[in-house]
Amino acid sequence: MELGKTKSVHIVGIGGAGMSAIAELLLKSGFRVTGSDLSSGEVTEKLAERGAVIYSGHRPEHVGSCDVVVYSSAVRPLENIEIITAEKAGIPVIKRDEMLGELMRYKFGICVAGTHGKTTTTSMIATMLIESGERPTVMIGGISDYLKGSTVVGEGKYMIIEADEYDRAFLKLTPTIALLNSLESEHMDTYGNLEELKQAFITFANKVPFYGRVICCVDWPEIRKIIPSMNRRYSTFGIEEPADVMAADIVLEKQSCVFTIEALGTRYPGVRINVPGKHNVLNALAAFSTGLELGIEPAKLISGLGNYSGMRRRFQVKFDNQRGLMVVDDYAHHPSEVKATVRAAKSGWTDSKVVAIFQPHLFSRTKEFADEYGWALSRSDIIYIADIYPAREKAADFPGVDGEMVASAVRKAGGRHVEFFT
């Protein structure tokens, strides 16, 4: 890959999931990469091992003589000294999504968008294509043990990207296949209302070239509503609604699901994925639909899905004493994701109690969805609520918003054993 005369890239916030993936791709493509972050950990250590120069904290001298500075939506450019220094020096400063869009121009882009399921579906497609003999480039906003990280730089023609709608980042991408996995209210700090979010998804879908395709999950009402506004070829998948690709005969087991895929008049029984929950059956249908569009044999796709081993922090088993105690970690941070995770636990382990320990993510999201969190969590047998993880937000901007709002909502929804702790 070449980006004109660019040889050296400095990344602000290099430890973030999306930024570290960009860093890995650039390193593996032969670029010199430097980066800074307020904290270090496993991610930054691995980047350093692969040749990146990592700085702790943000200082003017970190910019050095780089050719471009890249930053994420989580960084406040007007307050970051490295960005200010670069701009004064005349060094181009761009967001992560713009860099990613440029890198995609060299490949057949497969972009997975949606309010939920992006990380899992992207990694399913990656596993499926690799197992089918393809050598894709992959960028995921999470860690896959199968991929040995979040990024794979392959020699094949495909580039599979997790397309984030936050800050309208996905509108900078250049997909040949755009996958719309789900759509509901989220990131209202960016969009203001659901209609604006839907319009962004329409714009994203219509970025697909005339020879590409949009693949839509019609189980989501808001996706069904935007399909008439798309002016590109599309196909559909789902479980509850009629679609081109569907699942039937679903059996939910503890750590897996078995089902039949019905695709364009043909049945493929006995499909197994080694991750729990009906929501993951939908993710598998999304991946299978993508593989069909690429012309890969269904038998290879099904075999690839069978080799999918999940993602870290996506119903990841952290401890299992084989005597009835299992600890699972999941990144679920939207009420629908919390609901899906709790439902997967309840449906797979019908004879066990489910204890949910939940930390809300973002003050704005907690304020908007406190009642929905309450309903989703109330299906657990025992619920502990921690105080809010602020991420990019400040508590002072959201007076009165705390974890107790969620705890109260759980009690209101019928949760009987609820405790808020700080």
Protein backbone atom coordinates (compact mmCIF):
# COMPACT_ATOMS: atom_id res chain seq x y z
CA MET A 1 0.00 0.00 0.00
CA GLU A 2 1.19 3.53 -0.77
CA LEU A 3 -0.12 6.90 0.37
CA GLY A 4 1.79 9.23 -1.91
CA LYS A 5 5.02 10.29 -0.23
CA THR A 6 3.75 9.44 3.26
CA LYS A 7 6.23 7.24 5.12
CA SER A 8 5.75 8.16 8.79
CA VAL A 9 2.43 8.27 10.67
CA HIS A 10 1.83 9.51 14.21
CA ILE A 11 -1.31 8.23 15.95
CA VAL A 12 -2.88 10.09 18.87
CA GLY A 13 -4.66 7.65 21.18
CA ILE A 14 -2.90 4.65 19.70
CA GLY A 15 -4.05 2.31 22.48
CA GLY A 16 -7.72 2.41 21.48
CA ALA A 17 -9.18 -0.62 19.71
CA GLY A 18 -9.79 1.14 16.40
CA MET A 19 -6.56 3.12 16.46
CA SER A 20 -4.38 0.14 17.34
CA ALA A 21 -5.87 -1.73 14.39
CA ILE A 22 -4.91 1.13 12.06
CA ALA A 23 -1.42 1.10 13.59
CA GLU A 24 -1.06 -2.65 12.98
CA LEU A 25 -2.15 -2.31 9.37
CA LEU A 26 0.27 0.55 8.74
CA LEU A 27 3.15 -1.30 10.41
CA LYS A 28 2.52 -4.43 8.39
CA SER A 29 2.33 -2.31 5.24
CA GLY A 30 5.80 -0.88 5.84
CA PHE A 31 5.04 2.54 7.35
CA ARG A 32 6.92 3.99 10.31
CA VAL A 33 4.42 4.39 13.14
CA THR A 34 4.69 6.44 16.31
CA GLY A 35 1.88 6.92 18.76
CA SER A 36 0.88 8.32 22.12
CA ASP A 37 -1.66 7.33 24.75
CA LEU A 38 -2.45 8.32 28.31
CA SER A 39 -2.11 4.71 29.47
CA SER A 40 -0.17 1.66 28.39
CA GLY A 41 -1.15 -1.99 28.40
CA GLU A 42 -1.21 -5.19 26.39
CA VAL A 43 -2.24 -3.42 23.18
CA THR A 44 0.52 -0.80 23.22
CA GLU A 45 3.10 -3.37 24.31
CA LYS A 46 2.27 -5.55 21.30
CA LEU A 47 2.49 -2.58 18.97
CA ALA A 48 5.91 -1.74 20.39
CA GLU A 49 7.02 -5.34 19.81
CA ARG A 50 5.96 -4.96 16.18
CA GLY A 51 8.01 -1.83 15.67
CA ALA A 52 5.87 1.11 16.76
CA VAL A 53 7.39 3.85 18.91
CA ILE A 54 5.00 4.38 21.82
CA TYR A 55 4.95 7.50 24.00
CA SER A 56 3.21 7.81 27.36
CA GLY A 57 1.06 10.93 27.56
CA HIS A 58 0.82 13.76 25.04
CA ARG A 59 3.72 16.16 24.42
CA PRO A 60 4.63 18.44 21.49
CA GLU A 61 7.91 16.63 20.77
CA HIS A 62 6.10 13.34 20.14
CA VAL A 63 4.94 14.61 16.75
CA GLY A 64 8.51 14.78 15.48
CA SER A 65 8.90 14.88 11.71
CA CYS A 66 5.96 12.66 10.81
CA ASP A 67 4.10 13.08 7.52
CA VAL A 68 0.58 12.90 8.95
CA VAL A 69 -1.14 12.79 12.34
CA VAL A 70 -4.16 10.52 12.81
CA TYR A 71 -6.58 10.78 15.72
CA SER A 72 -9.82 9.13 16.82
CA SER A 73 -13.23 10.57 17.60
CA ALA A 74 -12.46 10.13 21.30
CA VAL A 75 -9.71 12.77 21.10
CA ARG A 76 -10.60 16.44 21.47
CA PRO A 77 -8.45 18.11 18.78
CA LEU A 78 -8.73 21.65 20.16
CA GLU A 79 -7.34 20.47 23.49
CA ASN A 80 -4.65 18.02 22.37
CA ILE A 81 -1.15 19.50 22.32
CA GLU A 82 0.13 17.04 19.71
CA ILE A 83 -2.62 17.94 17.25
CA ILE A 84 -2.10 21.65 17.93
CA THR A 85 1.65 21.23 17.36
CA ALA A 86 1.14 19.36 14.09
CA GLU A 87 -1.26 21.96 12.73
CA LYS A 88 1.16 24.78 13.57
CA ALA A 89 3.91 22.87 11.74
CA GLY A 90 1.73 22.39 8.67
CA ILE A 91 1.50 18.62 9.13
CA PRO A 92 -1.83 17.18 7.88
CA VAL A 93 -4.14 16.10 10.72
CA ILE A 94 -6.90 13.62 9.86
CA LYS A 95 -9.37 11.39 11.67
CA ARG A 96 -8.97 7.63 11.77
CA ASP A 97 -11.84 7.02 9.35
CA GLU A 98 -10.26 9.17 6.65
CA MET A 99 -7.04 7.16 6.86
CA LEU A 100 -9.02 3.93 6.77
CA GLY A 101 -10.98 5.09 3.73
CA GLU A 102 -7.74 5.77 1.88
CA LEU A 103 -6.30 2.37 2.74
CA MET A 104 -9.51 0.70 1.51
CA ARG A 105 -9.05 2.06 -2.01
CA TYR A 106 -6.52 -0.71 -2.66
CA LYS A 107 -9.00 -3.50 -1.88
CA PHE A 108 -12.52 -4.88 -2.44
CA GLY A 109 -14.11 -3.39 0.67
CA ILE A 110 -16.57 -5.29 2.85
CA CYS A 111 -17.90 -2.95 5.56
CA VAL A 112 -20.00 -4.23 8.46
CA ALA A 113 -22.22 -1.51 9.93
CA GLY A 114 -24.98 -1.55 12.51
CA THR A 115 -25.88 -0.50 16.01
CA HIS A 116 -25.01 -4.00 17.26
CA GLY A 117 -23.12 -7.08 16.13
CA LYS A 118 -20.42 -5.35 14.11
CA THR A 119 -17.41 -6.88 15.84
CA THR A 120 -18.74 -10.43 15.89
CA THR A 121 -20.03 -10.35 12.31
CA THR A 122 -16.81 -8.83 10.98
CA SER A 123 -14.75 -11.54 12.67
CA MET A 124 -17.15 -14.25 11.45
CA ILE A 125 -16.72 -13.07 7.86
CA ALA A 126 -12.95 -12.95 8.34
CA THR A 127 -12.81 -16.49 9.74
CA MET A 128 -15.10 -17.77 7.00
CA LEU A 129 -13.02 -16.25 4.20
CA ILE A 130 -9.70 -17.38 5.66
CA GLU A 131 -11.03 -20.91 6.10
CA SER A 132 -12.25 -20.78 2.48
CA GLY A 133 -8.72 -20.12 1.26
CA GLU A 134 -8.94 -16.36 0.83
CA ARG A 135 -6.26 -14.08 2.29
CA PRO A 136 -8.20 -10.97 3.35
CA THR A 137 -7.06 -7.88 5.14
CA VAL A 138 -9.14 -7.51 8.30
CA MET A 139 -9.69 -4.70 10.79
CA ILE A 140 -11.89 -5.34 13.82
CA GLY A 141 -12.63 -3.22 16.87
CA GLY A 142 -11.78 -6.05 19.23
CA ILE A 143 -9.37 -8.92 19.85
CA SER A 144 -9.74 -12.27 18.10
CA ASP A 145 -7.63 -15.21 19.27
CA TYR A 146 -8.17 -16.85 15.87
CA LEU A 147 -6.72 -13.79 14.13
CA LYS A 148 -4.14 -13.30 16.90
CA GLY A 149 -5.22 -9.69 17.32
CA SER A 150 -7.53 -7.17 15.73
CA THR A 151 -5.84 -6.88 12.35
CA VAL A 152 -4.71 -9.15 9.55
CA VAL A 153 -2.85 -7.85 6.51
CA GLY A 154 -3.50 -10.36 3.75
CA GLU A 155 -2.36 -10.56 0.17
CA GLY A 156 -5.86 -11.22 -1.16
CA LYS A 157 -8.22 -8.72 -2.72
CA TYR A 158 -10.73 -8.43 0.14
CA MET A 159 -10.62 -5.94 3.00
CA ILE A 160 -13.12 -6.56 5.81
CA ILE A 161 -13.80 -3.58 8.05
CA GLU A 162 -15.90 -2.96 11.14
CA ALA A 163 -17.65 0.28 10.17
CA ASP A 164 -18.44 2.49 13.17
CA GLU A 165 -21.33 4.95 12.89
CA TYR A 166 -20.15 7.08 15.83
CA ASP A 167 -19.22 10.60 14.71
CA ARG A 168 -20.37 9.55 11.19
CA ALA A 169 -17.03 7.77 10.81
CA PHE A 170 -18.36 5.13 8.42
CA LEU A 171 -19.26 7.76 5.83
CA LYS A 172 -15.53 8.11 5.01
CA LEU A 173 -15.26 4.45 4.02
CA THR A 174 -15.45 3.02 0.50
CA PRO A 175 -17.41 -0.25 0.64
CA THR A 176 -18.13 -2.54 -2.28
CA ILE A 177 -20.35 -4.59 0.00
CA ALA A 178 -22.12 -2.74 2.83
CA LEU A 179 -23.70 -4.91 5.49
CA LEU A 180 -26.43 -3.36 7.65
CA ASN A 181 -26.61 -5.65 10.67
CA SER A 182 -28.96 -3.67 12.93
CA LEU A 183 -30.31 -0.18 13.44
CA GLU A 184 -31.87 1.58 16.41
CA SER A 185 -31.32 4.69 18.49
CA GLU A 186 -27.67 5.13 19.52
CA HIS A 187 -25.00 7.85 19.56
CA MET A 188 -27.53 10.65 19.90
CA ASP A 189 -24.65 12.92 20.94
CA THR A 190 -23.66 12.70 17.27
CA TYR A 191 -27.03 12.50 15.51
CA GLY A 192 -29.54 14.21 17.75
CA ASN A 193 -32.44 11.99 16.70
CA LEU A 194 -33.19 8.64 15.11
CA GLU A 195 -34.11 10.13 11.73
CA GLU A 196 -30.64 11.66 11.37
CA LEU A 197 -29.08 8.31 12.22
CA LYS A 198 -31.25 6.56 9.62
CA GLN A 199 -30.26 9.14 7.02
CA ALA A 200 -26.59 8.42 7.75
CA PHE A 201 -27.18 4.72 7.15
CA ILE A 202 -28.92 5.52 3.86
CA THR A 203 -25.94 7.63 2.80
CA PHE A 204 -23.58 4.83 3.81
CA ALA A 205 -25.56 2.24 1.83
CA ASN A 206 -25.65 4.44 -1.25
CA LYS A 207 -21.84 4.77 -1.22
CA VAL A 208 -21.73 1.24 -2.60
CA PRO A 209 -20.85 1.27 -6.33
CA PHE A 210 -23.34 0.11 -8.95
CA TYR A 211 -21.65 -3.31 -9.07
CA GLY A 212 -21.71 -3.77 -5.30
CA ARG A 213 -24.45 -4.81 -2.90
CA VAL A 214 -26.08 -3.82 0.37
CA ILE A 215 -26.93 -6.75 2.66
CA CYS A 216 -29.74 -5.92 5.10
CA CYS A 217 -31.08 -7.56 8.27
CA VAL A 218 -34.84 -7.14 7.91
CA ASP A 219 -35.56 -8.27 11.48
CA TRP A 220 -34.83 -4.65 12.44
CA PRO A 221 -37.84 -2.39 11.68
CA GLU A 222 -35.69 0.69 11.07
CA ILE A 223 -33.69 -1.16 8.41
CA ARG A 224 -36.91 -2.19 6.67
CA LYS A 225 -37.92 1.47 6.68
CA ILE A 226 -34.75 2.73 4.97
CA ILE A 227 -34.57 0.10 2.22
CA PRO A 228 -36.88 2.09 -0.14
CA SER A 229 -34.45 5.03 0.10
CA MET A 230 -31.47 2.95 -1.03
CA ASN A 231 -30.59 3.15 -4.73
CA ARG A 232 -28.24 0.17 -4.82
CA ARG A 233 -28.75 -3.57 -5.25
CA TYR A 234 -29.60 -5.27 -1.98
CA SER A 235 -30.34 -8.66 -0.46
CA THR A 236 -31.86 -9.54 2.90
CA PHE A 237 -31.43 -11.92 5.82
CA GLY A 238 -33.35 -12.55 9.02
CA ILE A 239 -35.07 -14.98 11.35
CA GLU A 240 -38.43 -13.38 12.11
CA GLU A 241 -39.13 -11.66 8.78
CA PRO A 242 -39.21 -13.18 5.25
CA ALA A 243 -35.77 -12.79 3.67
CA ASP A 244 -33.41 -14.15 1.02
CA VAL A 245 -31.36 -15.93 3.70
CA MET A 246 -33.08 -17.25 6.83
CA ALA A 247 -32.54 -19.59 9.77
CA ALA A 248 -34.90 -22.35 10.89
CA ASP A 249 -34.87 -25.26 13.36
CA ILE A 250 -32.77 -23.22 15.80
CA VAL A 251 -31.45 -25.09 18.83
CA LEU A 252 -29.74 -22.94 21.47
CA GLU A 253 -27.12 -24.87 23.42
CA LYS A 254 -24.83 -23.66 26.19
CA GLN A 255 -21.85 -22.53 24.13
CA SER A 256 -23.23 -23.06 20.64
CA CYS A 257 -26.21 -22.87 18.31
CA VAL A 258 -27.37 -25.41 15.70
CA PHE A 259 -29.73 -24.40 12.91
CA THR A 260 -30.72 -24.75 9.27
CA ILE A 261 -29.89 -22.04 6.75
CA GLU A 262 -32.50 -21.47 4.06
CA ALA A 263 -30.98 -19.50 1.19
CA LEU A 264 -32.69 -18.75 -2.11
CA GLY A 265 -34.68 -21.99 -2.14
CA THR A 266 -31.94 -24.30 -0.79
CA ARG A 267 -31.76 -25.72 2.74
CA TYR A 268 -28.47 -26.28 4.56
CA PRO A 269 -29.21 -28.23 7.77
CA GLY A 270 -26.92 -28.85 10.72
CA VAL A 271 -25.07 -25.53 10.70
CA ARG A 272 -23.21 -25.08 13.99
CA ILE A 273 -21.61 -21.98 15.44
CA ASN A 274 -19.62 -22.23 18.66
CA VAL A 275 -21.00 -19.10 20.28
CA PRO A 276 -24.27 -18.86 22.23
CA GLY A 277 -27.43 -16.86 21.64
CA LYS A 278 -30.01 -16.26 18.95
CA HIS A 279 -28.37 -12.93 18.14
CA ASN A 280 -25.31 -14.84 16.99
CA VAL A 281 -27.46 -16.88 14.61
CA LEU A 282 -28.37 -13.57 12.98
CA ASN A 283 -24.69 -12.63 12.83
CA ALA A 284 -23.94 -15.96 11.15
CA LEU A 285 -26.67 -15.32 8.56
CA ALA A 286 -25.05 -11.96 7.83
CA ALA A 287 -21.68 -13.62 7.28
CA PHE A 288 -23.17 -16.40 5.15
CA SER A 289 -25.03 -13.85 3.00
CA THR A 290 -21.77 -12.00 2.43
CA GLY A 291 -20.01 -15.20 1.39
CA LEU A 292 -22.77 -16.03 -1.08
CA GLU A 293 -22.40 -12.59 -2.67
CA LEU A 294 -18.67 -13.26 -3.06
CA GLY A 295 -19.42 -16.52 -4.87
CA ILE A 296 -17.88 -18.84 -2.28
CA GLU A 297 -19.26 -22.39 -2.09
CA PRO A 298 -21.88 -22.74 0.68
CA ALA A 299 -20.13 -25.84 2.07
CA LYS A 300 -16.96 -23.81 2.62
CA LEU A 301 -18.94 -21.02 4.26
CA ILE A 302 -20.63 -23.43 6.66
CA SER A 303 -17.31 -25.06 7.51
CA GLY A 304 -15.80 -21.64 8.15
CA LEU A 305 -18.64 -20.67 10.47
CA GLY A 306 -18.06 -23.90 12.37
CA ASN A 307 -14.48 -22.85 13.01
CA TYR A 308 -15.45 -19.46 14.40
CA SER A 309 -14.22 -19.26 17.99
CA GLY A 310 -15.64 -15.94 19.16
CA MET A 311 -14.11 -12.64 20.25
CA ARG A 312 -12.66 -11.44 23.50
CA ARG A 313 -15.24 -9.59 25.59
CA ARG A 314 -18.08 -11.10 23.54
CA PHE A 315 -19.54 -13.71 25.93
CA GLN A 316 -15.95 -14.61 26.75
CA VAL A 317 -15.63 -17.31 29.41
CA LYS A 318 -13.08 -16.04 31.93
CA PHE A 319 -13.50 -18.82 34.48
CA ASP A 320 -15.30 -22.17 34.62
CA ASN A 321 -14.77 -24.59 37.49
CA GLN A 322 -16.88 -27.26 35.72
CA ARG A 323 -18.98 -27.53 38.89
CA GLY A 324 -21.59 -24.93 38.16
CA LEU A 325 -19.67 -21.66 38.45
CA MET A 326 -18.84 -19.79 35.26
CA VAL A 327 -17.72 -16.17 34.85
CA VAL A 328 -18.41 -14.50 31.50
CA ASP A 329 -17.19 -11.10 30.28
CA ASP A 330 -19.17 -9.20 27.65
CA TYR A 331 -18.79 -5.68 26.29
CA ALA A 332 -22.58 -5.25 25.94
CA HIS A 333 -23.15 -1.53 26.49
CA HIS A 334 -26.48 -0.84 24.73
CA PRO A 335 -29.74 -2.16 26.25
CA SER A 336 -30.37 -4.43 23.26
CA GLU A 337 -26.91 -5.95 23.67
CA VAL A 338 -27.44 -6.42 27.40
CA LYS A 339 -30.77 -8.09 26.66
CA ALA A 340 -29.15 -10.44 24.11
CA THR A 341 -26.35 -11.39 26.51
CA VAL A 342 -28.69 -12.09 29.42
CA ARG A 343 -31.02 -14.03 27.14
CA ALA A 344 -28.11 -16.15 25.85
CA ALA A 345 -27.15 -17.02 29.43
CA LYS A 346 -30.72 -17.80 30.49
CA SER A 347 -31.49 -19.92 27.41
CA GLY A 348 -28.22 -21.88 27.49
CA TRP A 349 -27.99 -22.48 31.23
CA THR A 350 -31.63 -23.06 32.13
CA ASP A 351 -30.85 -24.71 35.48
CA SER A 352 -28.44 -22.02 36.69
CA LYS A 353 -28.84 -18.64 38.31
CA VAL A 354 -27.63 -15.69 36.25
CA VAL A 355 -25.83 -12.98 38.24
CA ALA A 356 -25.34 -9.80 36.20
CA ILE A 357 -22.65 -7.28 37.19
CA PHE A 358 -23.15 -4.26 34.95
CA GLN A 359 -21.27 -0.99 34.56
CA PRO A 360 -23.08 1.58 32.39
CA HIS A 361 -20.94 3.11 29.65
CA LEU A 362 -21.28 6.89 29.11
CA PHE A 363 -23.45 9.35 31.03
CA SER A 364 -25.38 10.31 27.89
CA ARG A 365 -26.27 6.71 27.10
CA THR A 366 -27.30 6.03 30.70
CA LYS A 367 -29.51 9.12 30.74
CA GLU A 368 -31.23 8.09 27.51
CA PHE A 369 -31.60 4.36 28.17
CA ALA A 370 -31.88 3.91 31.96
CA ASP A 371 -35.36 2.35 31.73
CA GLU A 372 -34.32 0.08 28.86
CA TYR A 373 -31.29 -1.10 30.84
CA GLY A 374 -33.61 -1.85 33.73
CA TRP A 375 -35.85 -4.05 31.63
CA ALA A 376 -32.91 -5.88 29.99
CA LEU A 377 -31.13 -6.59 33.28
CA SER A 378 -34.24 -7.49 35.29
CA ARG A 379 -34.34 -10.95 33.65
CA SER A 380 -31.21 -11.85 35.63
CA ASP A 381 -31.63 -13.49 39.02
CA ILE A 382 -29.25 -11.16 40.88
CA ILE A 383 -28.07 -7.77 39.61
CA TYR A 384 -25.18 -5.56 40.74
CA ILE A 385 -24.83 -2.10 39.20
CA ALA A 386 -21.53 -0.20 39.26
CA ASP A 387 -21.23 3.52 38.71
CA ILE A 388 -20.86 4.88 35.19
CA TYR A 389 -17.71 4.50 33.12
CA PRO A 390 -17.40 8.01 31.65
CA ALA A 391 -15.04 7.37 28.70
CA ARG A 392 -15.02 10.64 26.73
CA GLU A 393 -17.65 12.37 28.91
CA LYS A 394 -17.52 14.37 32.15
CA ALA A 395 -19.81 13.83 35.14
CA ALA A 396 -20.19 17.59 35.60
CA ASP A 397 -22.02 17.79 32.27
CA PHE A 398 -24.66 15.30 33.44
CA PRO A 399 -25.83 16.28 36.93
CA GLY A 400 -27.91 13.63 38.66
CA VAL A 401 -26.99 10.89 36.21
CA ASP A 402 -25.39 7.88 37.90
CA GLY A 403 -25.59 4.11 38.20
CA GLU A 404 -28.42 4.35 40.72
CA MET A 405 -30.68 5.41 37.83
CA VAL A 406 -30.16 1.98 36.30
CA ALA A 407 -30.57 0.18 39.63
CA SER A 408 -33.88 1.98 40.20
CA ALA A 409 -35.01 1.07 36.69
CA VAL A 410 -34.18 -2.60 37.33
CA ARG A 411 -36.31 -2.57 40.48
CA LYS A 412 -39.13 -0.87 38.60
CA ALA A 413 -38.94 -3.56 35.90
CA GLY A 414 -39.35 -6.32 38.48
CA GLY A 415 -35.76 -7.15 39.41
CA ARG A 416 -35.85 -8.55 42.92
CA HIS A 417 -32.20 -8.69 43.97
CA VAL A 418 -30.55 -5.44 42.92
CA GLU A 419 -27.63 -3.56 44.45
CA PHE A 420 -25.85 -0.39 43.36
CA PHE A 421 -22.24 -0.03 44.47
CA THR A 422 -19.56 2.62 43.92
